């Protein structure tokens, strides 16, 4: 048995998983996330800002202390869309190496999807005919099987991008909503996914699951494998789009307050994906790219 840590440096949040792994099976010991907003203002500046870097480095420092206290034997660290798209990603990779002695590997959207697929499949037995959706801050990955082969379609759209470009205030206006949906329709083409098992992973989906269950305190184990109907998600979206950010925070105590700014954008993406692909319900998975990253090597 080996104790391993995985760090996912995402566009909206930075997450940590520590697991025992043996013979391709994981025993998760600890999982944490912090909203670091690496992609904040990335569209305007093409760079990760100094404020974003400060938040990110602070969280990495915290995670590495946790890793040290848990006597972890190996650490894997990846970066996704924000680091793929920023002009100063090489500078940040060098900083992470010099400050923390950590090798940060920036992966492609396709690899992001494959690792997510590995993570999800590790917690479902004989998963077939699936559409796994991972909505991040700057990108969204569609992962699906055809003839037992995994396919990944990575799209340049995410909750931070939608929030900054279209839905930058709550309540959202009809004009902004219409423009957001038009942009969505430019990104996503049609596809025959109506009969597939839609599985949602990442902070947007687990947050939706927690809100749907009306949790007082966020509980990922309770959220895992929760089925949510199209009607329930649509109802949730219609409620949130008319609320202010403080109202959202007060209404949903289990929601990370830092996610309140982007959760309406996330719901808009989810509801329009379900519409686009004529799917009536989704299942939330707590397993994702973090589990996949560890299982890639063990």
Protein backbone atom coordinates (compact mmCIF):
# COMPACT_ATOMS: atom_id res chain seq x y z
CA UNK A 1 0.00 0.00 0.00
CA UNK A 2 1.28 3.47 -0.96
CA UNK A 3 0.08 6.84 0.34
CA UNK A 4 -0.22 9.29 -2.56
CA UNK A 5 -1.39 12.89 -3.00
CA UNK A 6 -2.88 14.53 -6.08
CA UNK A 7 -3.24 18.29 -6.55
CA UNK A 8 -5.49 19.70 -9.27
CA UNK A 9 -4.66 23.35 -10.02
CA UNK A 10 -7.89 24.28 -11.79
CA UNK A 11 -9.14 27.51 -13.29
CA UNK A 12 -11.53 28.20 -10.43
CA UNK A 13 -10.32 26.04 -7.55
CA UNK A 14 -7.24 24.19 -6.34
CA UNK A 15 -7.97 20.76 -4.88
CA UNK A 16 -6.13 18.12 -2.91
CA UNK A 17 -6.70 14.38 -2.52
CA UNK A 18 -4.67 12.06 -0.29
CA UNK A 19 -5.30 8.35 -0.75
CA UNK A 20 -3.93 4.95 0.07
CA UNK A 21 -3.60 2.98 -3.14
CA UNK A 22 -3.07 -0.75 -3.60
CA UNK A 23 -3.60 -2.90 -6.70
CA UNK A 24 -5.44 -0.13 -8.51
CA UNK A 25 -7.88 0.52 -5.67
CA UNK A 26 -8.13 3.76 -3.71
CA UNK A 27 -8.91 4.44 -0.09
CA UNK A 28 -9.48 8.18 0.07
CA UNK A 29 -8.20 9.66 3.33
CA UNK A 30 -8.64 13.40 2.79
CA UNK A 31 -10.10 15.69 0.14
CA UNK A 32 -10.06 19.49 0.22
CA UNK A 33 -10.76 22.35 -2.15
CA UNK A 34 -10.11 26.09 -2.11
CA UNK A 35 -11.47 28.60 -4.61
CA UNK A 36 -8.32 30.30 -5.93
CA UNK A 37 -9.72 31.78 -9.19
CA UNK A 38 -6.55 31.35 -11.25
CA UNK A 39 -8.49 32.40 -14.35
CA UNK A 40 -9.82 35.66 -12.89
CA UNK A 41 -9.54 38.37 -15.61
CA UNK A 42 -7.57 35.94 -17.79
CA UNK A 43 -9.68 36.77 -20.84
CA UNK A 44 -8.84 40.47 -20.55
CA UNK A 45 -5.14 40.20 -19.67
CA UNK A 46 -4.12 36.80 -21.11
CA UNK A 47 -2.16 36.36 -17.88
CA UNK A 48 -2.73 34.95 -14.43
CA UNK A 49 -2.84 38.01 -12.19
CA UNK A 50 -0.68 38.73 -9.15
CA UNK A 51 -3.72 38.42 -6.88
CA UNK A 52 -4.55 35.02 -8.34
CA UNK A 53 -0.96 33.88 -7.87
CA UNK A 54 -0.99 34.98 -4.22
CA UNK A 55 -4.19 33.01 -3.53
CA UNK A 56 -2.81 30.00 -5.37
CA UNK A 57 0.57 29.96 -3.63
CA UNK A 58 -1.06 30.39 -0.23
CA UNK A 59 -3.21 27.32 -0.82
CA UNK A 60 -0.29 25.28 -2.17
CA UNK A 61 1.70 26.13 0.96
CA UNK A 62 -1.23 24.94 3.11
CA UNK A 63 -1.62 21.72 1.10
CA UNK A 64 2.06 20.86 1.28
CA UNK A 65 1.96 21.13 5.08
CA UNK A 66 -1.00 18.74 5.10
CA UNK A 67 0.89 16.38 2.77
CA UNK A 68 3.96 16.47 5.03
CA UNK A 69 1.88 15.82 8.15
CA UNK A 70 0.30 12.80 6.47
CA UNK A 71 3.65 11.22 5.48
CA UNK A 72 2.72 11.06 1.80
CA UNK A 73 5.18 9.10 -0.33
CA UNK A 74 4.47 10.63 -3.75
CA UNK A 75 2.79 13.80 -5.01
CA UNK A 76 1.29 14.47 -8.45
CA UNK A 77 0.34 18.00 -9.47
CA UNK A 78 -1.44 19.11 -12.64
CA UNK A 79 -2.70 22.38 -14.13
CA UNK A 80 -5.60 22.75 -16.54
CA UNK A 81 -7.20 25.43 -18.74
CA UNK A 82 -6.05 28.61 -16.94
CA UNK A 83 -2.45 27.47 -17.11
CA UNK A 84 -2.89 26.20 -20.68
CA UNK A 85 -4.16 29.60 -21.83
CA UNK A 86 -2.07 32.12 -19.87
CA UNK A 87 1.05 33.80 -21.27
CA UNK A 88 2.82 33.57 -17.92
CA UNK A 89 2.22 29.89 -17.15
CA UNK A 90 5.93 29.07 -17.54
CA UNK A 91 6.74 31.66 -14.88
CA UNK A 92 4.21 30.06 -12.51
CA UNK A 93 5.53 26.55 -13.19
CA UNK A 94 9.04 27.80 -12.35
CA UNK A 95 7.75 29.55 -9.21
CA UNK A 96 6.01 26.37 -8.01
CA UNK A 97 9.23 24.41 -8.53
CA UNK A 98 11.47 26.94 -6.77
CA UNK A 99 9.10 27.87 -3.92
CA UNK A 100 7.60 24.44 -3.19
CA UNK A 101 9.87 21.89 -4.94
CA UNK A 102 6.78 20.70 -6.77
CA UNK A 103 6.58 19.66 -10.42
CA UNK A 104 3.45 21.23 -11.91
CA UNK A 105 2.50 19.57 -15.18
CA UNK A 106 0.09 21.43 -17.47
CA UNK A 107 -2.12 18.93 -19.29
CA UNK A 108 -4.24 19.21 -22.43
CA UNK A 109 -8.04 19.28 -22.42
CA UNK A 110 -8.02 15.76 -23.87
CA UNK A 111 -5.79 14.40 -21.11
CA UNK A 112 -7.95 16.21 -18.56
CA UNK A 113 -10.94 14.33 -19.92
CA UNK A 114 -9.20 10.95 -19.94
CA UNK A 115 -8.05 11.32 -16.34
CA UNK A 116 -11.55 12.38 -15.28
CA UNK A 117 -12.98 9.34 -17.03
CA UNK A 118 -10.55 7.04 -15.19
CA UNK A 119 -11.53 8.62 -11.88
CA UNK A 120 -15.27 8.29 -12.44
CA UNK A 121 -15.07 4.73 -13.77
CA UNK A 122 -13.08 3.68 -10.70
CA UNK A 123 -16.15 4.23 -8.51
CA UNK A 124 -18.76 2.75 -10.88
CA UNK A 125 -18.83 -0.95 -11.76
CA UNK A 126 -19.10 -1.79 -15.47
CA UNK A 127 -19.94 1.77 -16.51
CA UNK A 128 -21.09 1.88 -20.14
CA UNK A 129 -23.06 4.18 -22.42
CA UNK A 130 -22.05 7.23 -20.40
CA UNK A 131 -21.61 10.94 -20.92
CA UNK A 132 -19.33 12.31 -18.20
CA UNK A 133 -19.33 16.12 -18.00
CA UNK A 134 -16.67 18.11 -16.16
CA UNK A 135 -17.42 21.85 -16.00
CA UNK A 136 -14.43 23.91 -14.92
CA UNK A 137 -13.64 27.60 -14.77
CA UNK A 138 -12.40 27.96 -18.35
CA UNK A 139 -13.13 24.65 -20.05
CA UNK A 140 -15.74 21.89 -20.15
CA UNK A 141 -14.91 18.30 -21.01
CA UNK A 142 -17.39 15.81 -22.49
CA UNK A 143 -16.19 12.24 -21.98
CA UNK A 144 -18.11 9.39 -23.60
CA UNK A 145 -17.62 5.81 -24.82
CA UNK A 146 -18.06 4.46 -28.33
CA UNK A 147 -17.42 0.73 -28.88
CA UNK A 148 -15.63 0.60 -25.49
CA UNK A 149 -13.23 3.37 -26.53
CA UNK A 150 -13.07 6.61 -24.54
CA UNK A 151 -13.65 9.84 -26.46
CA UNK A 152 -12.99 13.34 -25.13
CA UNK A 153 -14.34 16.62 -26.47
CA UNK A 154 -12.84 19.62 -24.66
CA UNK A 155 -14.65 22.95 -25.07
CA UNK A 156 -13.34 26.43 -24.26
CA UNK A 157 -16.19 27.40 -21.98
CA UNK A 158 -16.54 27.39 -18.20
CA UNK A 159 -18.17 29.06 -15.23
CA UNK A 160 -15.60 31.83 -14.73
CA UNK A 161 -15.60 32.65 -18.45
CA UNK A 162 -19.41 32.79 -18.53
CA UNK A 163 -19.53 34.84 -15.34
CA UNK A 164 -17.03 37.45 -16.54
CA UNK A 165 -18.35 37.71 -20.11
CA UNK A 166 -22.12 37.44 -19.68
CA UNK A 167 -23.49 36.78 -16.19
CA UNK A 168 -21.41 39.16 -14.09
CA UNK A 169 -24.20 40.17 -11.74
CA UNK A 170 -27.07 38.53 -9.90
CA UNK A 171 -29.97 38.79 -10.50
CA UNK A 172 -29.15 38.23 -14.16
CA UNK A 173 -30.96 40.17 -16.86
CA UNK A 174 -32.90 38.57 -19.69
CA UNK A 175 -30.53 40.27 -22.16
CA UNK A 176 -27.42 38.78 -20.52
CA UNK A 177 -29.04 35.36 -20.26
CA UNK A 178 -29.93 35.37 -23.97
CA UNK A 179 -26.39 36.32 -24.94
CA UNK A 180 -24.95 33.60 -22.69
CA UNK A 181 -27.19 30.98 -24.33
CA UNK A 182 -26.24 32.20 -27.81
CA UNK A 183 -22.57 31.77 -26.91
CA UNK A 184 -23.30 28.31 -25.48
CA UNK A 185 -25.00 27.30 -28.76
CA UNK A 186 -21.95 28.42 -30.73
CA UNK A 187 -19.71 26.16 -28.63
CA UNK A 188 -21.84 23.03 -28.38
CA UNK A 189 -23.11 21.28 -31.48
CA UNK A 190 -25.76 18.61 -31.52
CA UNK A 191 -25.00 15.02 -30.56
CA UNK A 192 -26.85 11.78 -29.98
CA UNK A 193 -26.50 11.53 -26.21
CA UNK A 194 -30.17 11.28 -25.26
CA UNK A 195 -30.00 7.62 -24.15
CA UNK A 196 -26.74 7.99 -22.22
CA UNK A 197 -26.08 8.06 -18.49
CA UNK A 198 -25.17 11.69 -17.76
CA UNK A 199 -22.64 11.86 -14.92
CA UNK A 200 -21.60 15.29 -13.63
CA UNK A 201 -18.28 15.82 -11.85
CA UNK A 202 -16.43 18.81 -10.37
CA UNK A 203 -17.36 21.66 -8.04
CA UNK A 204 -20.31 22.88 -10.06
CA UNK A 205 -22.06 19.51 -9.97
CA UNK A 206 -21.22 18.66 -6.36
CA UNK A 207 -22.41 22.13 -5.34
CA UNK A 208 -25.67 21.60 -7.24
CA UNK A 209 -26.03 18.23 -5.51
CA UNK A 210 -25.53 19.79 -2.09
CA UNK A 211 -28.05 22.54 -2.83
CA UNK A 212 -30.56 20.05 -4.22
CA UNK A 213 -30.27 17.95 -1.04
CA UNK A 214 -30.64 21.11 1.09
CA UNK A 215 -27.58 20.24 3.11
CA UNK A 216 -26.71 22.46 6.02
CA UNK A 217 -23.08 21.32 5.84
CA UNK A 218 -21.40 20.14 2.65
CA UNK A 219 -21.17 16.34 2.66
CA UNK A 220 -19.58 14.84 -0.45
CA UNK A 221 -20.37 11.25 0.51
CA UNK A 222 -24.09 12.03 0.72
CA UNK A 223 -23.94 13.87 -2.64
CA UNK A 224 -22.19 11.00 -4.44
CA UNK A 225 -24.47 9.16 -6.92
CA UNK A 226 -27.41 11.46 -6.24
CA UNK A 227 -29.85 11.50 -9.16
CA UNK A 228 -31.25 14.93 -10.06
CA UNK A 229 -33.99 15.45 -12.62
CA UNK A 230 -34.03 18.10 -15.33
CA UNK A 231 -37.07 19.67 -13.65
CA UNK A 232 -35.26 19.98 -10.31
CA UNK A 233 -32.20 21.61 -11.88
CA UNK A 234 -34.36 23.97 -13.91
CA UNK A 235 -36.25 24.93 -10.76
CA UNK A 236 -32.98 25.61 -8.95
CA UNK A 237 -31.66 27.71 -11.83
CA UNK A 238 -34.86 29.79 -12.04
CA UNK A 239 -34.63 30.51 -8.32
CA UNK A 240 -30.96 31.50 -8.36
CA UNK A 241 -31.05 33.73 -11.41
CA UNK A 242 -33.39 36.13 -9.58
CA UNK A 243 -31.37 36.21 -6.36
CA UNK A 244 -28.50 38.44 -5.29
CA UNK A 245 -25.20 36.84 -4.25
CA UNK A 246 -25.88 37.47 -0.51
CA UNK A 247 -29.32 35.87 -0.92
CA UNK A 248 -27.76 32.79 -2.57
CA UNK A 249 -25.23 32.47 0.27
CA UNK A 250 -27.96 32.81 2.91
CA UNK A 251 -30.31 30.39 1.13
CA UNK A 252 -27.74 27.61 0.73
CA UNK A 253 -25.52 27.31 3.83
CA UNK A 254 -23.59 24.32 2.45
CA UNK A 255 -22.43 26.26 -0.62
CA UNK A 256 -18.89 27.62 -0.48
CA UNK A 257 -19.54 31.40 -0.45
CA UNK A 258 -16.74 31.88 -3.00
CA UNK A 259 -18.70 29.70 -5.43
CA UNK A 260 -21.85 31.81 -5.11
CA UNK A 261 -20.57 34.20 -7.79
CA UNK A 262 -20.28 31.46 -10.44
CA UNK A 263 -22.99 28.96 -9.46
CA UNK A 264 -25.65 30.64 -11.64
CA UNK A 265 -23.32 30.37 -14.63
CA UNK A 266 -22.75 26.72 -13.77
CA UNK A 267 -26.47 26.01 -13.60
CA UNK A 268 -27.03 27.75 -16.93
CA UNK A 269 -24.43 25.48 -18.53
CA UNK A 270 -25.90 22.35 -16.95
CA UNK A 271 -29.50 23.09 -17.87
CA UNK A 272 -28.57 23.93 -21.46
CA UNK A 273 -26.46 20.77 -21.80
CA UNK A 274 -29.43 18.71 -20.67
CA UNK A 275 -31.66 20.55 -23.17
CA UNK A 276 -29.15 20.28 -26.00
CA UNK A 277 -28.71 16.54 -25.60
CA UNK A 278 -32.33 15.77 -24.58
CA UNK A 279 -31.35 14.16 -21.27
CA UNK A 280 -33.88 14.02 -18.43
CA UNK A 281 -31.64 13.54 -15.41
CA UNK A 282 -28.05 13.41 -14.23
CA UNK A 283 -26.08 11.60 -11.56
CA UNK A 284 -23.44 13.40 -9.47
CA UNK A 285 -20.06 11.72 -8.94
CA UNK A 286 -17.62 12.74 -6.21
CA UNK A 287 -14.81 10.88 -8.02
CA UNK A 288 -13.05 12.87 -10.73
CA UNK A 289 -9.67 13.88 -12.12
CA UNK A 290 -7.94 13.60 -8.72
CA UNK A 291 -8.69 9.89 -8.46
CA UNK A 292 -7.83 9.46 -12.13
CA UNK A 293 -4.46 11.17 -11.71
CA UNK A 294 -3.44 8.73 -8.97
CA UNK A 295 -4.78 5.67 -10.79
CA UNK A 296 -2.87 6.62 -13.95
CA UNK A 297 0.34 5.75 -12.12
CA UNK A 298 -0.83 3.01 -9.74
